[in-house]
């Protein structure tokens, strides 16, 4: 019995836009500091073309940063900002990395 898998499957089956449910579930793992699991689900969700991919890239960036994978984190923050120009959250992280205002 896999509670996480069962819960994820249930969320997806009830959600007409299951793509976003997978990404959101991954983001909840990131919030719980379960970074590797969060990255896995976010990657799966990104392959499904979620409605708001910028949030997936941002949350995956947070996970990568917490795992010390700063190049990957930077790339994801940059992608999030490209997808949603002006979004302050990834701009702050990019500024921390570069000292450049985006």
N, C-alpha and C. Protein backbone atom coordinates (compact mmCIF):
# COMPACT_ATOMS: atom_id res chain seq x y z
N UNK A 1 0.85 -1.19 0.00
CA UNK A 1 0.00 0.00 0.00
C UNK A 1 0.88 1.23 0.00
N UNK A 2 0.73 2.05 -1.02
CA UNK A 2 1.54 3.25 -1.18
C UNK A 2 0.63 4.45 -1.03
N UNK A 3 0.59 5.04 0.16
CA UNK A 3 -0.34 6.14 0.42
C UNK A 3 -0.08 7.32 -0.50
N UNK A 4 1.20 7.66 -0.72
CA UNK A 4 1.50 8.81 -1.56
C UNK A 4 1.05 8.55 -2.98
N UNK A 5 1.38 7.41 -3.53
CA UNK A 5 0.96 7.07 -4.88
C UNK A 5 -0.55 7.01 -5.01
N UNK A 6 -1.20 6.43 -4.00
CA UNK A 6 -2.65 6.33 -4.03
C UNK A 6 -3.30 7.71 -3.97
N UNK A 7 -2.78 8.57 -3.10
CA UNK A 7 -3.33 9.92 -2.98
C UNK A 7 -3.11 10.68 -4.28
N UNK A 8 -1.92 10.59 -4.85
CA UNK A 8 -1.64 11.27 -6.11
C UNK A 8 -2.56 10.77 -7.21
N UNK A 9 -2.74 9.46 -7.31
CA UNK A 9 -3.62 8.90 -8.33
C UNK A 9 -5.05 9.40 -8.14
N UNK A 10 -5.49 9.49 -6.90
CA UNK A 10 -6.85 9.96 -6.61
C UNK A 10 -7.00 11.42 -7.00
N UNK A 11 -6.01 12.24 -6.66
CA UNK A 11 -6.06 13.66 -7.02
C UNK A 11 -6.16 13.80 -8.53
N UNK A 12 -5.33 13.06 -9.24
CA UNK A 12 -5.30 13.15 -10.70
C UNK A 12 -6.62 12.69 -11.30
N UNK A 13 -7.19 11.60 -10.77
CA UNK A 13 -8.42 11.08 -11.34
C UNK A 13 -9.59 12.03 -11.10
N UNK A 14 -9.57 12.81 -10.03
CA UNK A 14 -10.66 13.74 -9.74
C UNK A 14 -10.45 15.11 -10.38
N UNK A 15 -9.25 15.38 -10.85
CA UNK A 15 -8.91 16.68 -11.38
C UNK A 15 -8.88 16.61 -12.90
N UNK A 16 -9.72 17.38 -13.55
CA UNK A 16 -9.70 17.39 -15.01
C UNK A 16 -8.36 17.86 -15.54
N UNK A 17 -7.65 18.63 -14.75
CA UNK A 17 -6.33 19.08 -15.15
C UNK A 17 -5.31 18.41 -14.23
N UNK A 18 -5.20 17.09 -14.34
CA UNK A 18 -4.29 16.32 -13.50
C UNK A 18 -2.85 16.74 -13.63
N UNK A 19 -2.53 17.38 -14.74
CA UNK A 19 -1.15 17.86 -14.94
C UNK A 19 -0.74 18.79 -13.81
N UNK A 20 -1.62 19.71 -13.47
CA UNK A 20 -1.31 20.65 -12.41
C UNK A 20 -1.31 19.98 -11.04
N UNK A 21 -2.14 18.97 -10.88
CA UNK A 21 -2.19 18.26 -9.60
C UNK A 21 -0.84 17.61 -9.29
N UNK A 22 -0.21 17.03 -10.29
CA UNK A 22 1.09 16.39 -10.09
C UNK A 22 2.12 17.43 -9.68
N UNK A 23 2.13 18.57 -10.36
CA UNK A 23 3.07 19.64 -10.03
C UNK A 23 2.79 20.17 -8.62
N UNK A 24 1.52 20.35 -8.29
CA UNK A 24 1.18 20.85 -6.96
C UNK A 24 1.58 19.86 -5.87
N UNK A 25 1.42 18.59 -6.15
CA UNK A 25 1.83 17.57 -5.17
C UNK A 25 3.36 17.63 -4.99
N UNK A 26 4.08 17.81 -6.09
CA UNK A 26 5.54 17.96 -5.99
C UNK A 26 5.92 19.18 -5.19
N UNK A 27 5.21 20.28 -5.40
CA UNK A 27 5.48 21.51 -4.64
C UNK A 27 5.22 21.30 -3.15
N UNK A 28 4.21 20.50 -2.82
CA UNK A 28 3.96 20.23 -1.40
C UNK A 28 5.10 19.44 -0.78
N UNK A 29 5.70 18.54 -1.56
CA UNK A 29 6.88 17.83 -1.07
C UNK A 29 8.03 18.79 -0.84
N UNK A 30 8.22 19.74 -1.73
CA UNK A 30 9.29 20.73 -1.56
C UNK A 30 9.04 21.51 -0.27
N UNK A 31 7.81 21.92 -0.03
CA UNK A 31 7.47 22.65 1.19
C UNK A 31 7.74 21.82 2.44
N UNK A 32 7.61 20.50 2.32
CA UNK A 32 7.88 19.59 3.44
C UNK A 32 9.36 19.21 3.53
N UNK A 33 10.18 19.82 2.68
CA UNK A 33 11.62 19.57 2.63
C UNK A 33 11.94 18.16 2.15
N UNK A 34 11.05 17.60 1.37
CA UNK A 34 11.25 16.29 0.73
C UNK A 34 11.65 16.57 -0.72
N UNK A 35 12.86 17.12 -0.87
CA UNK A 35 13.26 17.73 -2.12
C UNK A 35 13.39 16.74 -3.28
N UNK A 36 13.97 15.61 -3.06
CA UNK A 36 14.16 14.64 -4.15
C UNK A 36 12.80 14.16 -4.65
N UNK A 37 11.90 13.84 -3.74
CA UNK A 37 10.56 13.41 -4.15
C UNK A 37 9.82 14.53 -4.87
N UNK A 38 9.98 15.76 -4.38
CA UNK A 38 9.34 16.90 -5.02
C UNK A 38 9.83 17.09 -6.45
N UNK A 39 11.15 16.98 -6.64
CA UNK A 39 11.72 17.13 -7.98
C UNK A 39 11.17 16.06 -8.90
N UNK A 40 11.09 14.83 -8.42
CA UNK A 40 10.58 13.74 -9.25
C UNK A 40 9.16 14.02 -9.73
N UNK A 41 8.30 14.45 -8.82
CA UNK A 41 6.91 14.73 -9.21
C UNK A 41 6.82 15.96 -10.11
N UNK A 42 7.59 16.98 -9.81
CA UNK A 42 7.57 18.18 -10.65
C UNK A 42 8.04 17.84 -12.06
N UNK A 43 9.10 17.03 -12.17
CA UNK A 43 9.57 16.61 -13.49
C UNK A 43 8.46 15.88 -14.25
N UNK A 44 7.77 14.99 -13.54
CA UNK A 44 6.66 14.26 -14.17
C UNK A 44 5.58 15.24 -14.62
N UNK A 45 5.23 16.18 -13.77
CA UNK A 45 4.22 17.17 -14.12
C UNK A 45 4.63 18.04 -15.29
N UNK A 46 5.90 18.43 -15.35
CA UNK A 46 6.37 19.25 -16.47
C UNK A 46 6.26 18.49 -17.79
N UNK A 47 6.50 17.19 -17.76
CA UNK A 47 6.35 16.39 -18.98
C UNK A 47 4.90 16.35 -19.45
N UNK A 48 3.97 16.65 -18.55
CA UNK A 48 2.54 16.63 -18.87
C UNK A 48 2.03 18.00 -19.30
N UNK A 49 2.89 18.99 -19.39
CA UNK A 49 2.53 20.35 -19.82
C UNK A 49 1.48 20.98 -18.91
N UNK A 50 1.86 21.35 -17.67
CA UNK A 50 0.90 21.95 -16.75
C UNK A 50 0.47 23.34 -17.22
N UNK A 51 -0.62 23.83 -16.65
CA UNK A 51 -1.14 25.14 -17.03
C UNK A 51 -0.21 26.27 -16.62
N UNK A 52 0.46 26.15 -15.50
CA UNK A 52 1.34 27.20 -15.00
C UNK A 52 2.75 26.63 -14.79
N UNK A 53 3.46 26.38 -15.87
CA UNK A 53 4.78 25.76 -15.74
C UNK A 53 5.77 26.61 -14.97
N UNK A 54 5.57 27.93 -14.96
CA UNK A 54 6.50 28.78 -14.22
C UNK A 54 6.55 28.42 -12.74
N UNK A 55 5.42 28.02 -12.18
CA UNK A 55 5.40 27.62 -10.77
C UNK A 55 6.17 26.32 -10.57
N UNK A 56 6.08 25.42 -11.53
CA UNK A 56 6.84 24.17 -11.44
C UNK A 56 8.33 24.45 -11.46
N UNK A 57 8.76 25.30 -12.39
CA UNK A 57 10.19 25.62 -12.46
C UNK A 57 10.66 26.32 -11.20
N UNK A 58 9.86 27.22 -10.68
CA UNK A 58 10.24 27.94 -9.46
C UNK A 58 10.38 26.97 -8.28
N UNK A 59 9.40 26.11 -8.09
CA UNK A 59 9.46 25.17 -6.97
C UNK A 59 10.59 24.16 -7.14
N UNK A 60 10.83 23.74 -8.36
CA UNK A 60 11.95 22.83 -8.58
C UNK A 60 13.27 23.55 -8.31
N UNK A 61 13.33 24.84 -8.66
CA UNK A 61 14.50 25.64 -8.33
C UNK A 61 14.75 25.70 -6.84
N UNK A 62 13.69 25.87 -6.05
CA UNK A 62 13.83 25.86 -4.59
C UNK A 62 14.40 24.54 -4.11
N UNK A 63 13.90 23.45 -4.67
CA UNK A 63 14.39 22.13 -4.27
C UNK A 63 15.86 21.96 -4.63
N UNK A 64 16.21 22.32 -5.87
CA UNK A 64 17.61 22.21 -6.29
C UNK A 64 18.51 23.06 -5.39
N UNK A 65 18.07 24.27 -5.08
CA UNK A 65 18.89 25.15 -4.23
C UNK A 65 19.12 24.51 -2.87
N UNK A 66 18.08 23.95 -2.30
CA UNK A 66 18.22 23.32 -0.99
C UNK A 66 19.07 22.06 -1.02
N UNK A 67 19.22 21.46 -2.19
CA UNK A 67 20.10 20.30 -2.33
C UNK A 67 21.52 20.72 -2.72
N UNK A 68 21.76 22.03 -2.83
CA UNK A 68 23.08 22.53 -3.19
C UNK A 68 23.38 22.47 -4.68
N UNK A 69 22.36 22.26 -5.50
CA UNK A 69 22.52 22.19 -6.96
C UNK A 69 22.22 23.57 -7.54
N UNK A 70 23.13 24.50 -7.30
CA UNK A 70 22.87 25.90 -7.59
C UNK A 70 22.77 26.23 -9.08
N UNK A 71 23.52 25.55 -9.93
CA UNK A 71 23.40 25.80 -11.37
C UNK A 71 22.00 25.44 -11.85
N UNK A 72 21.50 24.30 -11.39
CA UNK A 72 20.15 23.88 -11.79
C UNK A 72 19.10 24.82 -11.20
N UNK A 73 19.31 25.26 -9.96
CA UNK A 73 18.37 26.19 -9.34
C UNK A 73 18.32 27.49 -10.13
N UNK A 74 19.48 28.03 -10.46
CA UNK A 74 19.55 29.27 -11.23
C UNK A 74 18.80 29.12 -12.55
N UNK A 75 19.05 28.02 -13.26
CA UNK A 75 18.38 27.79 -14.55
C UNK A 75 16.87 27.74 -14.39
N UNK A 76 16.40 27.10 -13.33
CA UNK A 76 14.95 27.01 -13.13
C UNK A 76 14.34 28.35 -12.74
N UNK A 77 15.02 29.13 -11.91
CA UNK A 77 14.52 30.46 -11.58
C UNK A 77 14.45 31.33 -12.83
N UNK A 78 15.47 31.23 -13.67
CA UNK A 78 15.49 32.00 -14.91
C UNK A 78 14.34 31.58 -15.84
N UNK A 79 14.11 30.28 -15.94
CA UNK A 79 13.01 29.77 -16.78
C UNK A 79 11.66 30.25 -16.24
N UNK A 80 11.50 30.21 -14.91
CA UNK A 80 10.25 30.69 -14.31
C UNK A 80 10.00 32.15 -14.66
N UNK A 81 11.07 32.95 -14.61
CA UNK A 81 10.93 34.37 -14.92
C UNK A 81 10.67 34.58 -16.42
N UNK A 82 11.26 33.78 -17.26
CA UNK A 82 11.00 33.87 -18.70
C UNK A 82 9.53 33.58 -18.99
N UNK A 83 8.98 32.60 -18.29
CA UNK A 83 7.58 32.22 -18.51
C UNK A 83 6.59 33.22 -17.92
N UNK A 84 7.02 33.90 -16.86
CA UNK A 84 6.15 34.89 -16.22
C UNK A 84 6.99 36.13 -15.89
N UNK A 85 7.24 36.95 -16.90
CA UNK A 85 8.06 38.15 -16.69
C UNK A 85 7.48 39.03 -15.58
N UNK A 86 8.38 39.56 -14.77
CA UNK A 86 7.97 40.45 -13.69
C UNK A 86 7.67 39.76 -12.38
N UNK A 87 7.64 38.44 -12.36
CA UNK A 87 7.34 37.71 -11.12
C UNK A 87 8.47 37.93 -10.13
N UNK A 88 8.14 38.49 -8.99
CA UNK A 88 9.15 38.91 -8.01
C UNK A 88 9.91 37.75 -7.35
N UNK A 89 9.25 36.64 -7.10
CA UNK A 89 9.91 35.54 -6.37
C UNK A 89 11.16 35.04 -7.09
N UNK A 90 11.08 34.65 -8.36
CA UNK A 90 12.32 34.21 -9.01
C UNK A 90 13.31 35.36 -9.21
N UNK A 91 12.80 36.58 -9.38
CA UNK A 91 13.70 37.73 -9.53
C UNK A 91 14.58 37.88 -8.30
N UNK A 92 14.02 37.70 -7.12
CA UNK A 92 14.80 37.82 -5.87
C UNK A 92 15.91 36.77 -5.81
N UNK A 93 15.57 35.54 -6.18
CA UNK A 93 16.58 34.48 -6.15
C UNK A 93 17.67 34.73 -7.18
N UNK A 94 17.30 35.17 -8.37
CA UNK A 94 18.29 35.47 -9.39
C UNK A 94 19.20 36.61 -8.95
N UNK A 95 18.64 37.60 -8.30
CA UNK A 95 19.44 38.71 -7.79
C UNK A 95 20.45 38.22 -6.75
N UNK A 96 20.01 37.32 -5.89
CA UNK A 96 20.93 36.77 -4.88
C UNK A 96 22.11 36.07 -5.54
N UNK A 97 21.85 35.37 -6.64
CA UNK A 97 22.91 34.65 -7.33
C UNK A 97 23.85 35.57 -8.09
N UNK A 98 23.31 36.64 -8.68
CA UNK A 98 24.11 37.43 -9.61
C UNK A 98 24.38 38.85 -9.18
N UNK A 99 23.54 39.39 -8.30
CA UNK A 99 23.64 40.80 -7.95
C UNK A 99 23.07 41.71 -9.04
N UNK A 100 22.42 41.10 -10.04
CA UNK A 100 21.85 41.84 -11.16
C UNK A 100 20.33 41.85 -11.02
N UNK A 101 19.74 43.03 -11.23
CA UNK A 101 18.28 43.15 -11.22
C UNK A 101 17.72 42.57 -12.51
N UNK A 102 16.73 41.73 -12.40
CA UNK A 102 16.11 41.12 -13.58
C UNK A 102 14.75 41.73 -13.82
